[in-house]
């Protein structure tokens, strides 16, 4: 059984620039799971040697556009 990943905290809207959207990271993410039936998109970091694995989950997704490298 897979151990649960820690849930990142979401900054308050009034917390200044760190809470502004869009969120940015100094790491590269890749699509990990896209479930059309559940409208769910999960992205994971590519380089796991850089530290902890980061997984971002988005719900209510109706579509996505990807930029090819």
N, C-alpha and C. Protein backbone atom coordinates (compact mmCIF):
# COMPACT_ATOMS: atom_id res chain seq x y z
N UNK A 1 0.84 -1.18 0.00
CA UNK A 1 0.00 0.00 0.00
C UNK A 1 0.89 1.24 0.00
N UNK A 2 0.53 2.18 -0.81
CA UNK A 2 1.29 3.42 -0.95
C UNK A 2 1.07 4.31 0.26
N UNK A 3 2.15 4.89 0.78
CA UNK A 3 1.99 5.81 1.90
C UNK A 3 1.43 7.13 1.40
N UNK A 4 0.54 7.76 2.17
CA UNK A 4 -0.05 9.03 1.72
C UNK A 4 0.99 10.13 1.66
N UNK A 5 0.84 10.99 0.66
CA UNK A 5 1.74 12.13 0.50
C UNK A 5 1.27 13.27 1.39
N UNK A 6 2.19 14.07 1.91
CA UNK A 6 1.77 15.20 2.73
C UNK A 6 0.98 16.21 1.91
N UNK A 7 -0.01 16.79 2.51
CA UNK A 7 -0.83 17.79 1.84
C UNK A 7 -0.21 19.16 2.04
N UNK A 8 0.13 19.85 0.93
CA UNK A 8 0.73 21.19 1.10
C UNK A 8 -0.30 22.17 1.62
N UNK A 9 0.16 23.13 2.39
CA UNK A 9 -0.76 24.16 2.88
C UNK A 9 -1.00 25.18 1.78
N UNK A 10 -2.17 25.73 1.77
CA UNK A 10 -2.54 26.73 0.77
C UNK A 10 -2.42 28.10 1.43
N UNK A 11 -1.61 29.00 0.85
CA UNK A 11 -1.45 30.32 1.47
C UNK A 11 -2.73 31.12 1.43
N UNK A 12 -2.90 31.98 2.43
CA UNK A 12 -4.06 32.87 2.48
C UNK A 12 -3.97 33.88 1.34
N UNK A 13 -5.12 34.33 0.87
CA UNK A 13 -5.15 35.32 -0.20
C UNK A 13 -4.47 36.62 0.21
N UNK A 14 -4.58 36.98 1.48
CA UNK A 14 -4.05 38.25 1.95
C UNK A 14 -2.61 38.14 2.44
N UNK A 15 -1.94 37.05 2.13
CA UNK A 15 -0.58 36.86 2.66
C UNK A 15 0.48 37.51 1.78
N UNK A 16 0.10 38.30 0.82
CA UNK A 16 1.07 39.00 -0.01
C UNK A 16 1.47 38.21 -1.24
N UNK A 17 2.62 38.56 -1.84
CA UNK A 17 3.05 37.95 -3.09
C UNK A 17 3.19 36.43 -3.04
N UNK A 18 3.54 35.87 -1.87
CA UNK A 18 3.72 34.42 -1.80
C UNK A 18 2.40 33.68 -1.98
N UNK A 19 1.27 34.34 -1.74
CA UNK A 19 -0.02 33.70 -1.90
C UNK A 19 -0.67 34.00 -3.24
N UNK A 20 0.06 34.68 -4.13
CA UNK A 20 -0.50 35.08 -5.41
C UNK A 20 -0.52 33.91 -6.39
N UNK A 21 -1.47 33.96 -7.28
CA UNK A 21 -1.55 32.97 -8.36
C UNK A 21 -1.03 33.59 -9.63
N UNK A 22 -0.44 32.88 -10.53
CA UNK A 22 -0.22 31.44 -10.50
C UNK A 22 0.95 31.06 -9.59
N UNK A 23 0.87 29.86 -9.04
CA UNK A 23 1.96 29.33 -8.23
C UNK A 23 3.14 29.01 -9.13
N UNK A 24 4.33 29.22 -8.65
CA UNK A 24 5.51 28.88 -9.43
C UNK A 24 6.46 28.06 -8.57
N UNK A 25 7.17 27.14 -9.20
CA UNK A 25 8.13 26.29 -8.54
C UNK A 25 9.42 26.28 -9.35
N UNK A 26 10.53 26.03 -8.70
CA UNK A 26 11.81 25.93 -9.39
C UNK A 26 12.08 24.51 -9.86
N UNK A 27 11.04 23.75 -10.06
CA UNK A 27 11.18 22.35 -10.48
C UNK A 27 10.28 22.08 -11.67
N UNK A 28 10.59 21.02 -12.40
CA UNK A 28 9.82 20.64 -13.59
C UNK A 28 8.78 19.59 -13.18
N UNK A 29 7.56 19.77 -13.67
CA UNK A 29 6.47 18.82 -13.39
C UNK A 29 6.08 18.10 -14.67
N UNK A 30 5.52 16.93 -14.51
CA UNK A 30 4.99 16.18 -15.66
C UNK A 30 3.58 15.72 -15.31
N UNK A 31 2.75 15.54 -16.32
CA UNK A 31 1.41 15.00 -16.05
C UNK A 31 1.57 13.59 -15.49
N UNK A 32 0.91 13.31 -14.40
CA UNK A 32 1.01 12.00 -13.78
C UNK A 32 -0.27 11.20 -13.98
N UNK A 33 -1.40 11.88 -13.83
CA UNK A 33 -2.69 11.20 -13.99
C UNK A 33 -3.72 12.22 -14.43
N UNK A 34 -4.49 11.83 -15.44
CA UNK A 34 -5.60 12.67 -15.88
C UNK A 34 -6.82 11.77 -15.99
N UNK A 35 -7.74 11.92 -15.07
CA UNK A 35 -8.95 11.09 -15.05
C UNK A 35 -10.13 11.92 -15.54
N UNK A 36 -10.50 11.69 -16.78
CA UNK A 36 -11.61 12.45 -17.38
C UNK A 36 -12.90 12.21 -16.60
N UNK A 37 -13.16 10.96 -16.21
CA UNK A 37 -14.41 10.63 -15.53
C UNK A 37 -14.53 11.30 -14.16
N UNK A 38 -13.41 11.62 -13.52
CA UNK A 38 -13.44 12.27 -12.22
C UNK A 38 -13.00 13.74 -12.29
N UNK A 39 -12.74 14.24 -13.49
CA UNK A 39 -12.29 15.62 -13.70
C UNK A 39 -11.09 15.95 -12.82
N UNK A 40 -10.12 15.05 -12.80
CA UNK A 40 -8.96 15.19 -11.91
C UNK A 40 -7.66 15.16 -12.70
N UNK A 41 -6.76 16.08 -12.37
CA UNK A 41 -5.43 16.14 -12.97
C UNK A 41 -4.41 16.14 -11.85
N UNK A 42 -3.40 15.26 -11.98
CA UNK A 42 -2.30 15.23 -11.01
C UNK A 42 -0.99 15.43 -11.74
N UNK A 43 -0.17 16.32 -11.19
CA UNK A 43 1.16 16.59 -11.74
C UNK A 43 2.19 16.19 -10.68
N UNK A 44 3.32 15.63 -11.14
CA UNK A 44 4.41 15.26 -10.21
C UNK A 44 5.71 15.83 -10.71
N UNK A 45 6.63 16.04 -9.77
CA UNK A 45 7.95 16.53 -10.14
C UNK A 45 8.72 15.46 -10.89
N UNK A 46 9.60 15.90 -11.78
CA UNK A 46 10.38 14.99 -12.61
C UNK A 46 11.62 14.51 -11.88
N UNK A 47 12.37 15.42 -11.28
CA UNK A 47 13.65 15.10 -10.65
C UNK A 47 13.44 14.80 -9.17
N UNK A 48 13.37 13.51 -8.81
CA UNK A 48 13.17 13.15 -7.42
C UNK A 48 14.46 13.25 -6.62
N UNK A 49 15.62 13.39 -7.27
CA UNK A 49 16.88 13.53 -6.56
C UNK A 49 17.04 14.93 -5.97
N UNK A 50 16.24 15.88 -6.42
CA UNK A 50 16.33 17.26 -5.95
C UNK A 50 15.75 17.43 -4.55
N UNK A 51 15.14 16.42 -4.03
CA UNK A 51 14.52 16.52 -2.71
C UNK A 51 13.24 15.72 -2.68
N UNK A 52 12.28 16.20 -1.93
CA UNK A 52 11.01 15.51 -1.80
C UNK A 52 10.21 15.57 -3.10
N UNK A 53 9.43 14.55 -3.30
CA UNK A 53 8.51 14.50 -4.43
C UNK A 53 7.37 15.47 -4.17
N UNK A 54 7.01 16.25 -5.17
CA UNK A 54 5.87 17.17 -5.06
C UNK A 54 4.80 16.67 -6.01
N UNK A 55 3.57 16.52 -5.50
CA UNK A 55 2.44 16.13 -6.33
C UNK A 55 1.36 17.17 -6.13
N UNK A 56 0.88 17.73 -7.23
CA UNK A 56 -0.19 18.73 -7.18
C UNK A 56 -1.44 18.11 -7.79
N UNK A 57 -2.56 18.21 -7.08
CA UNK A 57 -3.83 17.66 -7.56
C UNK A 57 -4.79 18.80 -7.85
N UNK A 58 -5.45 18.71 -9.00
CA UNK A 58 -6.44 19.70 -9.43
C UNK A 58 -7.75 18.97 -9.67
N UNK A 59 -8.83 19.50 -9.15
CA UNK A 59 -10.15 18.89 -9.30
C UNK A 59 -11.07 19.82 -10.07
N UNK A 60 -12.05 19.25 -10.77
CA UNK A 60 -12.95 20.04 -11.59
C UNK A 60 -12.32 20.44 -12.91
N UNK A 61 -11.34 19.65 -13.38
CA UNK A 61 -10.62 19.94 -14.62
C UNK A 61 -11.49 19.52 -15.81
N UNK A 62 -11.69 20.41 -16.75
CA UNK A 62 -12.49 20.09 -17.93
C UNK A 62 -11.63 19.90 -19.17
N UNK A 63 -10.34 20.22 -19.08
CA UNK A 63 -9.42 20.04 -20.20
C UNK A 63 -8.06 20.58 -19.82
N UNK A 64 -7.08 20.29 -20.67
CA UNK A 64 -5.75 20.83 -20.40
C UNK A 64 -5.00 20.99 -21.71
N UNK A 65 -4.06 21.91 -21.70
CA UNK A 65 -3.17 22.14 -22.84
C UNK A 65 -1.76 21.94 -22.35
N UNK A 66 -0.96 21.20 -23.10
CA UNK A 66 0.41 20.94 -22.72
C UNK A 66 1.35 21.54 -23.75
N UNK A 67 2.44 22.09 -23.28
CA UNK A 67 3.47 22.63 -24.16
C UNK A 67 4.50 21.53 -24.40
N UNK A 68 4.78 21.23 -25.64
CA UNK A 68 5.76 20.18 -25.93
C UNK A 68 7.17 20.77 -25.78
N UNK A 69 8.09 19.94 -25.33
CA UNK A 69 9.45 20.39 -25.09
C UNK A 69 10.34 20.09 -26.27
